[in-house]
Amino acid sequence: MAAGLDEVLGVARNASQDEIKRAYRTLARQYHPDANPDPAAEDRFKQIGAAYEVLSDPARRERYDMFGDGAAAGGFAGFGDLGDIMESFFGTAFGGGRTRQRAGGPARGADLSLHLELDFEEAVFGVTRTVTIGILGSCERCTGSGCEPGTFRTRCSRCAGTGEQRTVQRSIFGTMMSSRPCAACDGAGEVPASPCTECRGGGRVSRDSSISIEVPPGIEDGYTLRLSGRGEAGTRGGPAGDLYAQVSVKPHRVFSRDGAHLLCSLTIPVTVAALGAEVPIETLEGEETVHVSAGTQPGTLLRLKGKGVPRLGGRGRGDLVVQLLVDVPTRLSHEEKDLLDKLAKMRGERAGNATGILDRIKDALRQPR
């Protein structure tokens, strides 16, 4: 290599980042093709920019110091990449003549969002909802062009068709130019010769739009549905934005969800828990009958396969899980108490307040000492 990168910038090998930056600023202003008519200035400018790109990056500078080769340090940047460096120092109009995408080109429309509240059953089995929202849509009169039918767009007189408005500023670095999108044409470089009377040249009008939303089975609370292209219309031929529907699900009086499974509880009489029976139970699709085995304990879980929530994507359904609760009576008739007392005696169990004071004394005397 004819000269080291530090020599290109005229700095010492151990120069600080501030020294490298100052050297680059000075040389870039001196050899920028827009400021220096010398044919050799452009090549010199490229070398300066490439050297700065390596030396200003600590990781690439370390590799360069190790290998002593610009290629080993990541290579020189192409002239087109220097525009970002120049823009950071000298503004957008001093970026070396890069070709930029016009700010006034086709622009995508804004995204919209809405809140969609569903009943529990609608979330489980899916539903089609139609909502009406205010939206900026493409103007039907001018089909989004902003021009009165039969007319066309013409060059913007304020920016002379460049789409940019340039300003000149004086600073410690000298005179610098900057640019921004033209406010009259929004950077397009063109304006309607005769603006559309419906949209006043904007190409979009506000109107109420009815949108059909397909809610898939199995959707959960907090889920967001994306409807591509149903947001605001784009400008200057740009695509429409998207519509996002944020879903909330009302709670159910009986059921709750655990992913694809439905959960509920069923209270059964103590006699059914003891003797067993066929018991009706409510599901989201009607009444079902479940078998309760004799001797069922409180908290026992019954599982009804495939009676839960459809899984998103059509991969089957979850289960309905039923927790059994036992209803212990709190008020008994004399006849019911007598029957339970007889049952307790048959089972050798003591219940209620049947044990008198004498029986308790006898029990105490029987205890081993």
Protein backbone atom coordinates (compact mmCIF):
# COMPACT_ATOMS: atom_id res chain seq x y z
CA MET A 1 0.00 0.00 0.00
CA ALA A 2 1.50 3.32 -1.02
CA ALA A 3 0.44 5.10 2.14
CA GLY A 4 -1.03 4.02 5.43
CA LEU A 5 -4.52 5.08 6.36
CA ASP A 6 -3.15 7.36 9.06
CA GLU A 7 -0.92 8.99 6.43
CA VAL A 8 -3.90 9.52 4.14
CA LEU A 9 -5.54 11.58 6.89
CA GLY A 10 -2.22 13.09 8.00
CA VAL A 11 -2.51 11.88 11.60
CA ALA A 12 -0.20 9.96 13.90
CA ARG A 13 -0.50 6.19 14.23
CA ASN A 14 -1.84 6.58 17.77
CA ALA A 15 -4.12 9.54 17.00
CA SER A 16 -7.27 9.88 19.10
CA GLN A 17 -10.76 9.68 17.62
CA ASP A 18 -11.17 13.45 17.99
CA GLU A 19 -7.94 14.04 16.05
CA ILE A 20 -9.05 11.64 13.31
CA LYS A 21 -12.43 13.35 13.03
CA ARG A 22 -10.94 16.84 12.82
CA ALA A 23 -8.47 15.75 10.15
CA TYR A 24 -11.22 14.14 8.12
CA ARG A 25 -13.43 17.23 8.26
CA THR A 26 -10.64 19.45 7.06
CA LEU A 27 -9.57 17.20 4.17
CA ALA A 28 -13.14 16.35 3.11
CA ARG A 29 -13.98 20.02 2.70
CA GLN A 30 -10.74 20.58 0.78
CA TYR A 31 -11.07 17.69 -1.69
CA HIS A 32 -14.84 17.36 -2.05
CA PRO A 33 -15.61 17.27 -5.84
CA ASP A 34 -18.25 19.96 -5.43
CA ALA A 35 -15.67 22.31 -3.89
CA ASN A 36 -12.48 21.31 -5.73
CA PRO A 37 -12.37 21.44 -9.57
CA ASP A 38 -9.10 19.47 -9.75
CA PRO A 39 -9.83 16.14 -11.60
CA ALA A 40 -7.65 14.32 -9.08
CA ALA A 41 -9.67 15.65 -6.14
CA GLU A 42 -12.37 12.98 -6.49
CA ASP A 43 -9.89 10.11 -6.13
CA ARG A 44 -8.28 11.85 -3.17
CA PHE A 45 -11.72 12.38 -1.63
CA LYS A 46 -12.48 8.67 -1.96
CA GLN A 47 -9.22 7.75 -0.24
CA ILE A 48 -9.92 10.16 2.60
CA GLY A 49 -13.42 8.80 3.14
CA ALA A 50 -12.24 5.18 3.02
CA ALA A 51 -9.47 5.86 5.52
CA TYR A 52 -11.84 7.62 7.88
CA GLU A 53 -14.37 4.79 7.71
CA VAL A 54 -11.74 2.32 8.93
CA LEU A 55 -9.98 4.48 11.51
CA SER A 56 -13.22 5.82 13.03
CA ASP A 57 -14.42 2.26 13.79
CA PRO A 58 -12.52 0.92 16.85
CA ALA A 59 -12.90 -2.74 15.82
CA ARG A 60 -11.79 -2.15 12.21
CA ARG A 61 -8.96 0.10 13.36
CA GLU A 62 -7.72 -2.64 15.69
CA ARG A 63 -7.67 -5.15 12.82
CA TYR A 64 -5.91 -2.60 10.62
CA ASP A 65 -3.28 -1.96 13.27
CA MET A 66 -2.79 -5.71 13.58
CA PHE A 67 -2.59 -6.60 9.89
CA GLY A 68 -1.50 -3.28 8.42
CA ASP A 69 -3.87 -3.68 5.48
CA GLY A 70 -7.07 -1.81 4.69
CA ALA A 71 -8.61 -4.96 3.21
CA ALA A 72 -7.97 -6.91 6.40
CA ALA A 73 -9.67 -4.14 8.32
CA GLY A 74 -12.87 -4.60 6.39
CA GLY A 75 -12.04 -2.97 3.06
CA PHE A 76 -12.50 0.53 1.74
CA ALA A 77 -16.03 1.77 1.45
CA GLY A 78 -17.36 2.53 -2.00
CA PHE A 79 -17.88 6.12 -2.98
CA GLY A 80 -21.65 5.68 -2.70
CA ASP A 81 -21.29 4.78 1.01
CA LEU A 82 -19.55 8.06 1.80
CA GLY A 83 -22.79 10.00 1.49
CA ASP A 84 -23.88 8.89 4.95
CA ILE A 85 -20.58 10.11 6.44
CA MET A 86 -20.75 13.41 4.54
CA GLU A 87 -24.37 13.91 5.52
CA SER A 88 -23.52 13.55 9.21
CA PHE A 89 -20.97 16.41 8.88
CA PHE A 90 -22.19 18.67 6.09
CA GLY A 91 -25.95 18.10 5.60
CA THR A 92 -27.94 16.27 2.95
CA ALA A 93 -26.96 18.55 0.05
CA PHE A 94 -23.23 17.89 0.57
CA GLY A 95 -23.35 14.13 0.21
CA GLY A 96 -21.18 13.73 -2.89
CA GLY A 97 -23.93 13.73 -5.48
CA ARG A 98 -25.57 10.46 -4.32
CA THR A 99 -28.78 9.46 -6.00
CA ARG A 100 -31.50 9.48 -3.36
CA GLN A 101 -35.00 8.18 -3.38
CA ARG A 102 -37.33 11.09 -3.44
CA ALA A 103 -39.21 11.75 -0.25
CA GLY A 104 -42.22 12.56 -2.37
CA GLY A 105 -42.48 9.16 -4.05
CA PRO A 106 -45.26 6.65 -3.40
CA ALA A 107 -45.98 6.52 0.34
CA ARG A 108 -47.67 3.69 2.23
CA GLY A 109 -50.87 4.55 4.04
CA ALA A 110 -51.06 4.63 7.82
CA ASP A 111 -51.97 1.56 9.84
CA LEU A 112 -55.21 1.66 11.82
CA SER A 113 -56.33 -0.21 14.92
CA LEU A 114 -59.64 -0.94 16.59
CA HIS A 115 -60.97 -2.81 19.61
CA LEU A 116 -63.09 -5.92 18.96
CA GLU A 117 -65.03 -7.34 21.92
CA LEU A 118 -66.27 -10.93 21.58
CA ASP A 119 -68.58 -13.15 23.56
CA PHE A 120 -66.94 -16.26 25.00
CA GLU A 121 -68.68 -18.54 22.51
CA GLU A 122 -67.69 -16.33 19.56
CA ALA A 123 -64.04 -16.64 20.53
CA VAL A 124 -64.33 -20.41 20.87
CA PHE A 125 -66.18 -21.18 17.65
CA GLY A 126 -65.26 -18.14 15.51
CA VAL A 127 -67.49 -15.45 14.06
CA THR A 128 -67.70 -12.92 11.24
CA ARG A 129 -68.05 -9.35 12.48
CA THR A 130 -68.75 -6.27 10.37
CA VAL A 131 -67.44 -3.00 11.76
CA THR A 132 -67.73 0.56 10.48
CA ILE A 133 -64.76 2.90 10.88
CA GLY A 134 -63.76 6.30 9.57
CA ILE A 135 -60.86 5.95 7.16
CA LEU A 136 -58.87 7.98 4.63
CA GLY A 137 -59.60 6.16 1.40
CA SER A 138 -58.61 6.77 -2.19
CA CYS A 139 -60.66 9.52 -3.83
CA GLU A 140 -63.07 7.97 -6.32
CA ARG A 141 -63.38 11.11 -8.42
CA CYS A 142 -59.66 11.32 -9.26
CA THR A 143 -58.74 7.67 -8.44
CA GLY A 144 -56.14 8.94 -5.99
CA SER A 145 -54.20 11.16 -8.42
CA GLY A 146 -55.36 14.43 -6.85
CA CYS A 147 -56.07 15.86 -10.33
CA GLU A 148 -59.44 16.92 -11.64
CA PRO A 149 -60.54 14.31 -14.22
CA GLY A 150 -59.06 15.10 -17.62
CA THR A 151 -56.13 17.06 -16.18
CA PHE A 152 -52.61 16.05 -15.23
CA ARG A 153 -49.85 16.86 -12.79
CA THR A 154 -47.36 19.60 -13.57
CA ARG A 155 -43.93 20.57 -12.30
CA CYS A 156 -43.89 22.26 -8.89
CA SER A 157 -43.05 25.93 -9.30
CA ARG A 158 -41.66 26.33 -5.78
CA CYS A 159 -38.92 23.70 -6.08
CA ALA A 160 -38.69 23.68 -9.90
CA GLY A 161 -39.51 19.99 -9.94
CA THR A 162 -36.62 18.88 -7.73
CA GLY A 163 -38.82 17.94 -4.79
CA GLU A 164 -36.38 19.67 -2.44
CA GLN A 165 -35.99 23.06 -0.84
CA ARG A 166 -32.39 23.97 -0.12
CA THR A 167 -31.09 26.34 2.50
CA VAL A 168 -27.61 27.78 3.03
CA GLN A 169 -26.14 28.09 6.53
CA ARG A 170 -22.90 29.49 7.84
CA SER A 171 -21.06 27.62 10.59
CA ILE A 172 -17.56 27.12 11.94
CA PHE A 173 -16.97 24.71 9.06
CA GLY A 174 -17.88 27.31 6.46
CA THR A 175 -20.91 27.64 4.23
CA MET A 176 -23.03 24.51 4.17
CA MET A 177 -26.17 23.60 2.30
CA SER A 178 -29.00 21.41 3.54
CA SER A 179 -32.20 20.28 1.92
CA ARG A 180 -35.63 19.09 2.94
CA PRO A 181 -38.71 17.89 1.03
CA CYS A 182 -40.59 20.69 -0.68
CA ALA A 183 -43.61 21.69 1.40
CA ALA A 184 -45.67 22.61 -1.66
CA CYS A 185 -45.42 19.22 -3.40
CA ASP A 186 -44.42 17.11 -0.39
CA GLY A 187 -41.22 16.16 -2.19
CA ALA A 188 -42.94 14.79 -5.29
CA GLY A 189 -41.68 17.54 -7.60
CA GLU A 190 -45.16 17.70 -9.15
CA VAL A 191 -48.51 19.18 -8.21
CA PRO A 192 -51.96 18.86 -9.79
CA ALA A 193 -52.43 21.46 -12.51
CA SER A 194 -56.10 21.50 -11.55
CA PRO A 195 -56.72 19.98 -8.07
CA CYS A 196 -59.60 17.55 -7.74
CA THR A 197 -62.68 19.27 -6.34
CA GLU A 198 -63.53 16.26 -4.19
CA CYS A 199 -60.21 15.73 -2.36
CA ARG A 200 -58.67 19.18 -3.04
CA GLY A 201 -55.63 17.60 -4.61
CA GLY A 202 -54.82 15.27 -1.72
CA GLY A 203 -55.93 12.11 -3.53
CA ARG A 204 -57.72 10.84 -0.39
CA VAL A 205 -61.03 11.55 1.31
CA SER A 206 -62.36 10.64 4.73
CA ARG A 207 -65.33 8.32 4.73
CA ASP A 208 -67.01 5.59 6.76
CA SER A 209 -66.04 2.14 5.60
CA SER A 210 -67.69 -1.20 6.50
CA ILE A 211 -65.11 -3.91 7.03
CA SER A 212 -65.84 -7.61 7.49
CA ILE A 213 -63.56 -9.30 10.03
CA GLU A 214 -63.25 -13.09 10.03
CA VAL A 215 -62.48 -14.22 13.57
CA PRO A 216 -60.98 -17.73 13.52
CA PRO A 217 -62.15 -20.38 16.03
CA GLY A 218 -60.04 -20.64 19.17
CA ILE A 219 -58.86 -17.03 19.35
CA GLU A 220 -57.85 -15.88 22.83
CA ASP A 221 -58.24 -12.70 24.82
CA GLY A 222 -55.50 -10.19 23.95
CA TYR A 223 -54.89 -11.58 20.45
CA THR A 224 -54.42 -9.10 17.57
CA LEU A 225 -55.80 -9.79 14.11
CA ARG A 226 -54.03 -8.18 11.12
CA LEU A 227 -56.04 -7.29 8.02
CA SER A 228 -53.53 -6.53 5.30
CA GLY A 229 -54.29 -3.52 3.12
CA ARG A 230 -57.38 -2.44 5.08
CA GLY A 231 -55.81 0.65 6.65
CA GLU A 232 -55.59 4.13 5.17
CA ALA A 233 -55.00 4.51 1.45
CA GLY A 234 -51.46 5.36 0.36
CA THR A 235 -50.48 8.59 -1.34
CA ARG A 236 -49.15 9.04 -4.86
CA GLY A 237 -49.93 5.45 -5.76
CA GLY A 238 -48.49 3.94 -2.58
CA PRO A 239 -50.01 0.81 -0.97
CA ALA A 240 -52.65 0.98 1.74
CA GLY A 241 -51.72 0.40 5.37
CA ASP A 242 -52.99 -2.46 7.52
CA LEU A 243 -55.83 -2.71 10.02
CA TYR A 244 -55.17 -4.29 13.41
CA ALA A 245 -58.09 -5.60 15.47
CA GLN A 246 -57.25 -6.03 19.16
CA VAL A 247 -59.46 -8.76 20.60
CA SER A 248 -60.93 -8.91 24.09
CA VAL A 249 -63.18 -11.77 25.23
CA LYS A 250 -66.00 -11.46 27.76
CA PRO A 251 -65.86 -13.96 30.66
CA HIS A 252 -68.35 -16.85 30.76
CA ARG A 253 -70.63 -17.53 33.71
CA VAL A 254 -69.64 -21.24 33.79
CA PHE A 255 -66.47 -21.87 31.81
CA SER A 256 -62.93 -20.59 31.82
CA ARG A 257 -60.04 -21.40 29.46
CA ASP A 258 -56.62 -22.91 29.78
CA GLY A 259 -55.32 -22.69 26.22
CA ALA A 260 -57.42 -25.14 24.21
CA HIS A 261 -59.04 -26.69 27.30
CA LEU A 262 -62.31 -25.62 28.91
CA LEU A 263 -62.57 -25.72 32.70
CA CYS A 264 -65.65 -25.82 34.89
CA SER A 265 -66.91 -27.22 38.19
CA LEU A 266 -69.93 -29.44 38.92
CA THR A 267 -71.49 -29.73 42.37
CA ILE A 268 -73.03 -33.14 43.18
CA PRO A 269 -75.00 -34.29 46.27
CA VAL A 270 -73.15 -36.28 48.89
CA THR A 271 -75.36 -39.27 48.13
CA VAL A 272 -74.32 -39.22 44.47
CA ALA A 273 -70.67 -38.98 45.49
CA ALA A 274 -71.15 -42.00 47.75
CA LEU A 275 -73.38 -44.15 45.55
CA GLY A 276 -72.47 -42.96 42.03
CA ALA A 277 -74.88 -41.91 39.28
CA GLU A 278 -75.28 -40.55 35.75
CA VAL A 279 -75.24 -36.75 36.04
CA PRO A 280 -76.14 -34.13 33.40
CA ILE A 281 -73.59 -31.40 32.72
CA GLU A 282 -73.67 -28.23 30.61
CA THR A 283 -71.26 -27.83 27.69
CA LEU A 284 -70.93 -25.06 25.10
CA GLU A 285 -72.73 -27.32 22.62
CA GLY A 286 -75.57 -28.51 24.82
CA GLU A 287 -76.13 -30.91 27.68
CA GLU A 288 -74.00 -34.02 28.14
CA THR A 289 -74.23 -36.88 30.65
CA VAL A 290 -71.20 -37.90 32.72
CA HIS A 291 -70.77 -40.96 34.90
CA VAL A 292 -69.86 -40.33 38.53
CA SER A 293 -68.41 -43.42 40.17
CA ALA A 294 -69.42 -44.56 43.65
CA GLY A 295 -67.09 -43.20 46.31
CA THR A 296 -66.05 -40.13 44.30
CA GLN A 297 -64.02 -37.71 46.41
CA PRO A 298 -64.31 -33.90 46.34
CA GLY A 299 -61.95 -32.37 43.78
CA THR A 300 -62.04 -35.36 41.42
CA LEU A 301 -61.50 -34.33 37.78
CA LEU A 302 -63.52 -35.69 34.87
CA ARG A 303 -62.25 -35.16 31.31
CA LEU A 304 -64.53 -35.01 28.26
CA LYS A 305 -62.30 -35.53 25.23
CA GLY A 306 -62.73 -33.13 22.32
CA LYS A 307 -65.29 -30.93 24.06
CA GLY A 308 -62.91 -28.01 24.56
CA VAL A 309 -61.75 -25.18 22.29
CA PRO A 310 -60.74 -25.61 18.63
CA ARG A 311 -57.02 -25.04 18.25
CA LEU A 312 -55.99 -22.17 15.98
CA GLY A 313 -55.02 -23.58 12.61
CA GLY A 314 -57.49 -26.48 12.71
CA ARG A 315 -55.38 -28.94 14.72
CA GLY A 316 -58.23 -30.58 16.62
CA ARG A 317 -59.85 -29.50 19.88
CA GLY A 318 -58.95 -29.47 23.52
CA ASP A 319 -60.90 -31.17 26.33
CA LEU A 320 -63.54 -30.15 28.81
CA VAL A 321 -62.18 -30.69 32.32
CA VAL A 322 -64.80 -30.88 35.08
CA GLN A 323 -63.91 -30.63 38.77
CA LEU A 324 -66.44 -32.35 41.03
CA LEU A 325 -67.52 -30.59 44.22
CA VAL A 326 -69.56 -32.39 46.90
CA ASP A 327 -72.54 -30.62 48.44
CA VAL A 328 -72.72 -31.48 52.15
CA PRO A 329 -76.22 -30.62 53.49
CA THR A 330 -76.34 -28.05 56.27
CA ARG A 331 -80.01 -28.50 57.23
CA LEU A 332 -81.41 -31.95 57.92
CA SER A 333 -84.85 -33.12 58.98
CA HIS A 334 -85.22 -35.40 62.01
CA GLU A 335 -85.77 -38.38 59.73
CA GLU A 336 -82.61 -37.56 57.71
CA LYS A 337 -80.59 -37.19 60.91
CA ASP A 338 -81.88 -40.56 62.17
CA LEU A 339 -80.90 -42.23 58.90
CA LEU A 340 -77.42 -40.74 58.96
CA ASP A 341 -77.03 -41.67 62.62
CA LYS A 342 -77.93 -45.28 61.83
CA LEU A 343 -75.43 -45.24 58.96
CA ALA A 344 -72.73 -43.89 61.24
CA LYS A 345 -73.42 -46.64 63.82
CA MET A 346 -73.35 -49.31 61.11
CA ARG A 347 -69.95 -48.03 59.99
CA GLY A 348 -68.65 -47.69 63.53
CA GLU A 349 -68.37 -43.95 63.17
CA ARG A 350 -69.22 -41.28 65.71
CA ALA A 351 -71.01 -38.26 64.40
CA GLY A 352 -72.93 -35.25 65.65
CA ASN A 353 -73.45 -34.65 69.37
CA ALA A 354 -74.77 -38.15 70.14
CA THR A 355 -72.06 -38.85 72.76
CA GLY A 356 -73.23 -37.77 76.22
CA ILE A 357 -71.18 -36.74 79.25
CA LEU A 358 -71.22 -40.24 80.78
CA ASP A 359 -70.02 -41.79 77.54
CA ARG A 360 -67.14 -39.31 77.38
CA ILE A 361 -66.16 -40.12 81.02
CA LYS A 362 -66.17 -43.82 80.24
CA ASP A 363 -64.03 -43.24 77.17
CA ALA A 364 -61.54 -41.30 79.28
CA LEU A 365 -61.32 -44.10 81.88
CA ARG A 366 -60.66 -46.64 79.15
CA GLN A 367 -57.56 -44.76 77.93
CA PRO A 368 -54.29 -46.49 78.93
CA ARG A 369 -52.21 -44.76 81.62
